[in-house]
Amino acid sequence: MNIIAVFSNRNHTMQFATYLKRVGIRNKTINTPGEINQACGISVMFWDKDLASARFVLSKSMLASFKGFFLVIGDGVFKKYKAI
């Protein structure tokens, strides 16, 4: 499953993606799904197995615009997003 990290600031989103890559966490910058309406236009997606490491990176990064992590449930057209 995938996790989406949501920020309200575009620069913070890009910084978080860079920080994840530096510690070896593969990620992808994506358009924020419309169902998650509390963010800027882009978010960072990564594998759920890396959530603990991503939380650690976030705790050290001081990116104040962080809005939350969302679990992507389903695939294809019918996806849901659950805040975790």
N, C-alpha and C. Protein backbone atom coordinates (compact mmCIF):
# COMPACT_ATOMS: atom_id res chain seq x y z
N MET A 1 0.84 -1.19 0.00
CA MET A 1 0.00 0.00 0.00
C MET A 1 0.88 1.24 0.00
N ASN A 2 0.26 2.34 -0.38
CA ASN A 2 0.98 3.60 -0.45
C ASN A 2 0.51 4.55 0.63
N ILE A 3 1.42 5.45 1.01
CA ILE A 3 1.14 6.52 1.94
C ILE A 3 1.36 7.84 1.21
N ILE A 4 0.52 8.82 1.49
CA ILE A 4 0.69 10.15 0.93
C ILE A 4 0.97 11.11 2.09
N ALA A 5 2.04 11.88 1.97
CA ALA A 5 2.37 12.94 2.93
C ALA A 5 1.88 14.26 2.34
N VAL A 6 1.09 14.98 3.13
CA VAL A 6 0.44 16.19 2.64
C VAL A 6 0.96 17.41 3.39
N PHE A 7 1.27 18.44 2.63
CA PHE A 7 1.76 19.71 3.18
C PHE A 7 0.93 20.84 2.57
N SER A 8 0.85 21.96 3.27
CA SER A 8 0.15 23.12 2.71
C SER A 8 1.11 24.07 1.99
N ASN A 9 2.38 23.74 1.99
CA ASN A 9 3.39 24.58 1.35
C ASN A 9 4.15 23.74 0.33
N ARG A 10 4.18 24.21 -0.90
CA ARG A 10 4.81 23.48 -2.00
C ARG A 10 6.31 23.24 -1.76
N ASN A 11 7.00 24.25 -1.24
CA ASN A 11 8.44 24.10 -0.98
C ASN A 11 8.70 23.03 0.07
N HIS A 12 7.86 22.98 1.10
CA HIS A 12 8.02 21.95 2.13
C HIS A 12 7.80 20.56 1.54
N THR A 13 6.86 20.44 0.62
CA THR A 13 6.62 19.15 -0.04
C THR A 13 7.87 18.68 -0.76
N MET A 14 8.48 19.58 -1.52
CA MET A 14 9.67 19.22 -2.28
C MET A 14 10.86 18.94 -1.35
N GLN A 15 10.99 19.68 -0.26
CA GLN A 15 12.06 19.43 0.70
C GLN A 15 11.89 18.05 1.34
N PHE A 16 10.67 17.70 1.70
CA PHE A 16 10.42 16.40 2.31
C PHE A 16 10.79 15.27 1.35
N ALA A 17 10.42 15.41 0.09
CA ALA A 17 10.77 14.40 -0.92
C ALA A 17 12.28 14.25 -1.01
N THR A 18 13.00 15.35 -0.98
CA THR A 18 14.46 15.32 -1.04
C THR A 18 15.04 14.65 0.20
N TYR A 19 14.52 14.98 1.37
CA TYR A 19 15.01 14.37 2.61
C TYR A 19 14.80 12.85 2.60
N LEU A 20 13.63 12.43 2.12
CA LEU A 20 13.36 10.98 2.04
C LEU A 20 14.37 10.29 1.13
N LYS A 21 14.63 10.89 -0.02
CA LYS A 21 15.59 10.30 -0.96
C LYS A 21 16.98 10.20 -0.34
N ARG A 22 17.37 11.21 0.43
CA ARG A 22 18.69 11.21 1.07
C ARG A 22 18.88 10.06 2.03
N VAL A 23 17.79 9.61 2.66
CA VAL A 23 17.91 8.49 3.60
C VAL A 23 17.51 7.16 2.95
N GLY A 24 17.34 7.17 1.64
CA GLY A 24 17.09 5.93 0.91
C GLY A 24 15.64 5.51 0.77
N ILE A 25 14.72 6.41 1.02
CA ILE A 25 13.30 6.08 0.87
C ILE A 25 12.84 6.53 -0.52
N ARG A 26 12.46 5.55 -1.32
CA ARG A 26 11.96 5.86 -2.66
C ARG A 26 10.61 6.55 -2.52
N ASN A 27 10.41 7.61 -3.29
CA ASN A 27 9.16 8.35 -3.23
C ASN A 27 8.87 8.99 -4.57
N LYS A 28 7.67 9.51 -4.67
CA LYS A 28 7.23 10.15 -5.90
C LYS A 28 6.40 11.36 -5.54
N THR A 29 6.64 12.47 -6.21
CA THR A 29 5.82 13.66 -6.04
C THR A 29 4.62 13.52 -6.96
N ILE A 30 3.42 13.68 -6.39
CA ILE A 30 2.18 13.49 -7.15
C ILE A 30 1.25 14.69 -6.96
N ASN A 31 0.26 14.79 -7.84
CA ASN A 31 -0.80 15.76 -7.62
C ASN A 31 -1.62 15.30 -6.42
N THR A 32 -1.91 16.19 -5.51
CA THR A 32 -2.70 15.84 -4.34
C THR A 32 -4.12 15.47 -4.79
N PRO A 33 -4.61 14.30 -4.36
CA PRO A 33 -5.97 13.90 -4.74
C PRO A 33 -6.99 14.94 -4.27
N GLY A 34 -8.02 15.15 -5.06
CA GLY A 34 -9.04 16.14 -4.74
C GLY A 34 -9.75 15.88 -3.43
N GLU A 35 -9.82 14.60 -3.02
CA GLU A 35 -10.49 14.26 -1.76
C GLU A 35 -9.74 14.79 -0.54
N ILE A 36 -8.47 15.08 -0.73
CA ILE A 36 -7.65 15.63 0.36
C ILE A 36 -7.53 17.12 0.07
N ASN A 37 -8.45 17.89 0.59
CA ASN A 37 -8.56 19.29 0.18
C ASN A 37 -7.81 20.27 1.08
N GLN A 38 -6.94 19.80 1.94
CA GLN A 38 -6.26 20.68 2.89
C GLN A 38 -4.81 20.96 2.51
N ALA A 39 -4.47 20.80 1.24
CA ALA A 39 -3.06 20.85 0.87
C ALA A 39 -2.81 21.78 -0.30
N CYS A 40 -1.52 21.96 -0.58
CA CYS A 40 -1.13 22.61 -1.82
C CYS A 40 -1.37 21.59 -2.93
N GLY A 41 -1.01 21.86 -4.12
CA GLY A 41 -1.35 21.00 -5.25
C GLY A 41 -0.56 19.71 -5.37
N ILE A 42 0.54 19.57 -4.61
CA ILE A 42 1.35 18.36 -4.73
C ILE A 42 1.59 17.72 -3.37
N SER A 43 1.84 16.42 -3.38
CA SER A 43 2.12 15.65 -2.17
C SER A 43 3.21 14.64 -2.48
N VAL A 44 3.69 13.96 -1.45
CA VAL A 44 4.73 12.95 -1.60
C VAL A 44 4.14 11.58 -1.29
N MET A 45 4.34 10.63 -2.21
CA MET A 45 3.84 9.27 -2.02
C MET A 45 5.02 8.32 -1.84
N PHE A 46 4.87 7.38 -0.90
CA PHE A 46 5.91 6.38 -0.65
C PHE A 46 5.25 5.12 -0.11
N TRP A 47 6.03 4.04 0.00
CA TRP A 47 5.50 2.76 0.47
C TRP A 47 5.21 2.78 1.96
N ASP A 48 4.18 2.07 2.37
CA ASP A 48 3.79 2.02 3.78
C ASP A 48 4.87 1.41 4.66
N LYS A 49 5.71 0.54 4.11
CA LYS A 49 6.79 -0.06 4.91
C LYS A 49 7.80 0.99 5.38
N ASP A 50 7.80 2.15 4.76
CA ASP A 50 8.74 3.22 5.11
C ASP A 50 8.13 4.28 6.02
N LEU A 51 6.92 4.05 6.52
CA LEU A 51 6.23 5.07 7.30
C LEU A 51 7.00 5.47 8.56
N ALA A 52 7.50 4.51 9.31
CA ALA A 52 8.23 4.84 10.54
C ALA A 52 9.44 5.71 10.24
N SER A 53 10.17 5.36 9.20
CA SER A 53 11.35 6.16 8.82
C SER A 53 10.93 7.55 8.35
N ALA A 54 9.84 7.63 7.60
CA ALA A 54 9.35 8.93 7.12
C ALA A 54 8.93 9.81 8.29
N ARG A 55 8.29 9.21 9.29
CA ARG A 55 7.90 9.98 10.49
C ARG A 55 9.15 10.52 11.19
N PHE A 56 10.19 9.71 11.26
CA PHE A 56 11.44 10.15 11.88
C PHE A 56 12.04 11.32 11.10
N VAL A 57 12.09 11.19 9.79
CA VAL A 57 12.62 12.27 8.94
C VAL A 57 11.81 13.54 9.16
N LEU A 58 10.50 13.41 9.19
CA LEU A 58 9.63 14.56 9.40
C LEU A 58 9.90 15.21 10.76
N SER A 59 10.11 14.41 11.79
CA SER A 59 10.35 14.96 13.12
C SER A 59 11.64 15.78 13.19
N LYS A 60 12.59 15.46 12.35
CA LYS A 60 13.86 16.18 12.34
C LYS A 60 13.89 17.34 11.35
N SER A 61 12.88 17.45 10.49
CA SER A 61 12.95 18.41 9.39
C SER A 61 12.34 19.77 9.68
N MET A 62 11.48 19.88 10.70
CA MET A 62 10.86 21.15 11.07
C MET A 62 10.08 21.78 9.91
N LEU A 63 9.29 20.98 9.21
CA LEU A 63 8.45 21.47 8.12
C LEU A 63 7.05 21.73 8.70
N ALA A 64 6.81 22.96 9.09
CA ALA A 64 5.61 23.32 9.85
C ALA A 64 4.31 23.21 9.06
N SER A 65 4.38 23.13 7.75
CA SER A 65 3.14 23.08 6.97
C SER A 65 2.60 21.66 6.78
N PHE A 66 3.20 20.69 7.46
CA PHE A 66 2.74 19.31 7.35
C PHE A 66 1.29 19.19 7.82
N LYS A 67 0.45 18.53 7.01
CA LYS A 67 -0.98 18.38 7.33
C LYS A 67 -1.34 16.96 7.74
N GLY A 68 -0.57 15.96 7.29
CA GLY A 68 -0.88 14.61 7.71
C GLY A 68 -0.45 13.56 6.70
N PHE A 69 -0.47 12.31 7.19
CA PHE A 69 -0.23 11.15 6.35
C PHE A 69 -1.58 10.51 6.03
N PHE A 70 -1.71 10.04 4.80
CA PHE A 70 -2.94 9.39 4.37
C PHE A 70 -2.61 8.05 3.73
N LEU A 71 -3.33 7.03 4.14
CA LEU A 71 -3.20 5.70 3.57
C LEU A 71 -4.08 5.63 2.33
N VAL A 72 -3.51 5.15 1.22
CA VAL A 72 -4.28 4.97 -0.01
C VAL A 72 -4.91 3.59 0.02
N ILE A 73 -6.22 3.55 -0.02
CA ILE A 73 -6.96 2.30 0.03
C ILE A 73 -7.61 2.06 -1.32
N GLY A 74 -7.38 0.87 -1.88
CA GLY A 74 -7.93 0.54 -3.20
C GLY A 74 -6.95 0.86 -4.30
N ASP A 75 -7.38 0.57 -5.50
CA ASP A 75 -6.53 0.86 -6.66
C ASP A 75 -7.42 1.23 -7.84
N GLY A 76 -6.78 1.62 -8.92
CA GLY A 76 -7.55 2.01 -10.10
C GLY A 76 -8.34 3.28 -9.84
N VAL A 77 -9.57 3.29 -10.32
CA VAL A 77 -10.42 4.48 -10.24
C VAL A 77 -10.99 4.71 -8.84
N PHE A 78 -11.24 3.64 -8.11
CA PHE A 78 -11.93 3.74 -6.83
C PHE A 78 -10.96 3.70 -5.66
N LYS A 79 -10.33 4.82 -5.40
CA LYS A 79 -9.39 4.94 -4.28
C LYS A 79 -10.02 5.75 -3.17
N LYS A 80 -9.67 5.42 -1.96
CA LYS A 80 -10.06 6.21 -0.79
C LYS A 80 -8.80 6.57 -0.04
N TYR A 81 -8.89 7.59 0.77
CA TYR A 81 -7.74 8.08 1.52
C TYR A 81 -8.11 8.20 2.99
N LYS A 82 -7.37 7.48 3.83
CA LYS A 82 -7.65 7.46 5.26
C LYS A 82 -6.51 8.13 6.01
N ALA A 83 -6.84 9.13 6.80
CA ALA A 83 -5.83 9.80 7.62
C ALA A 83 -5.29 8.83 8.65
N ILE A 84 -3.96 8.82 8.81
CA ILE A 84 -3.33 7.93 9.79
C ILE A 84 -2.42 8.72 10.71
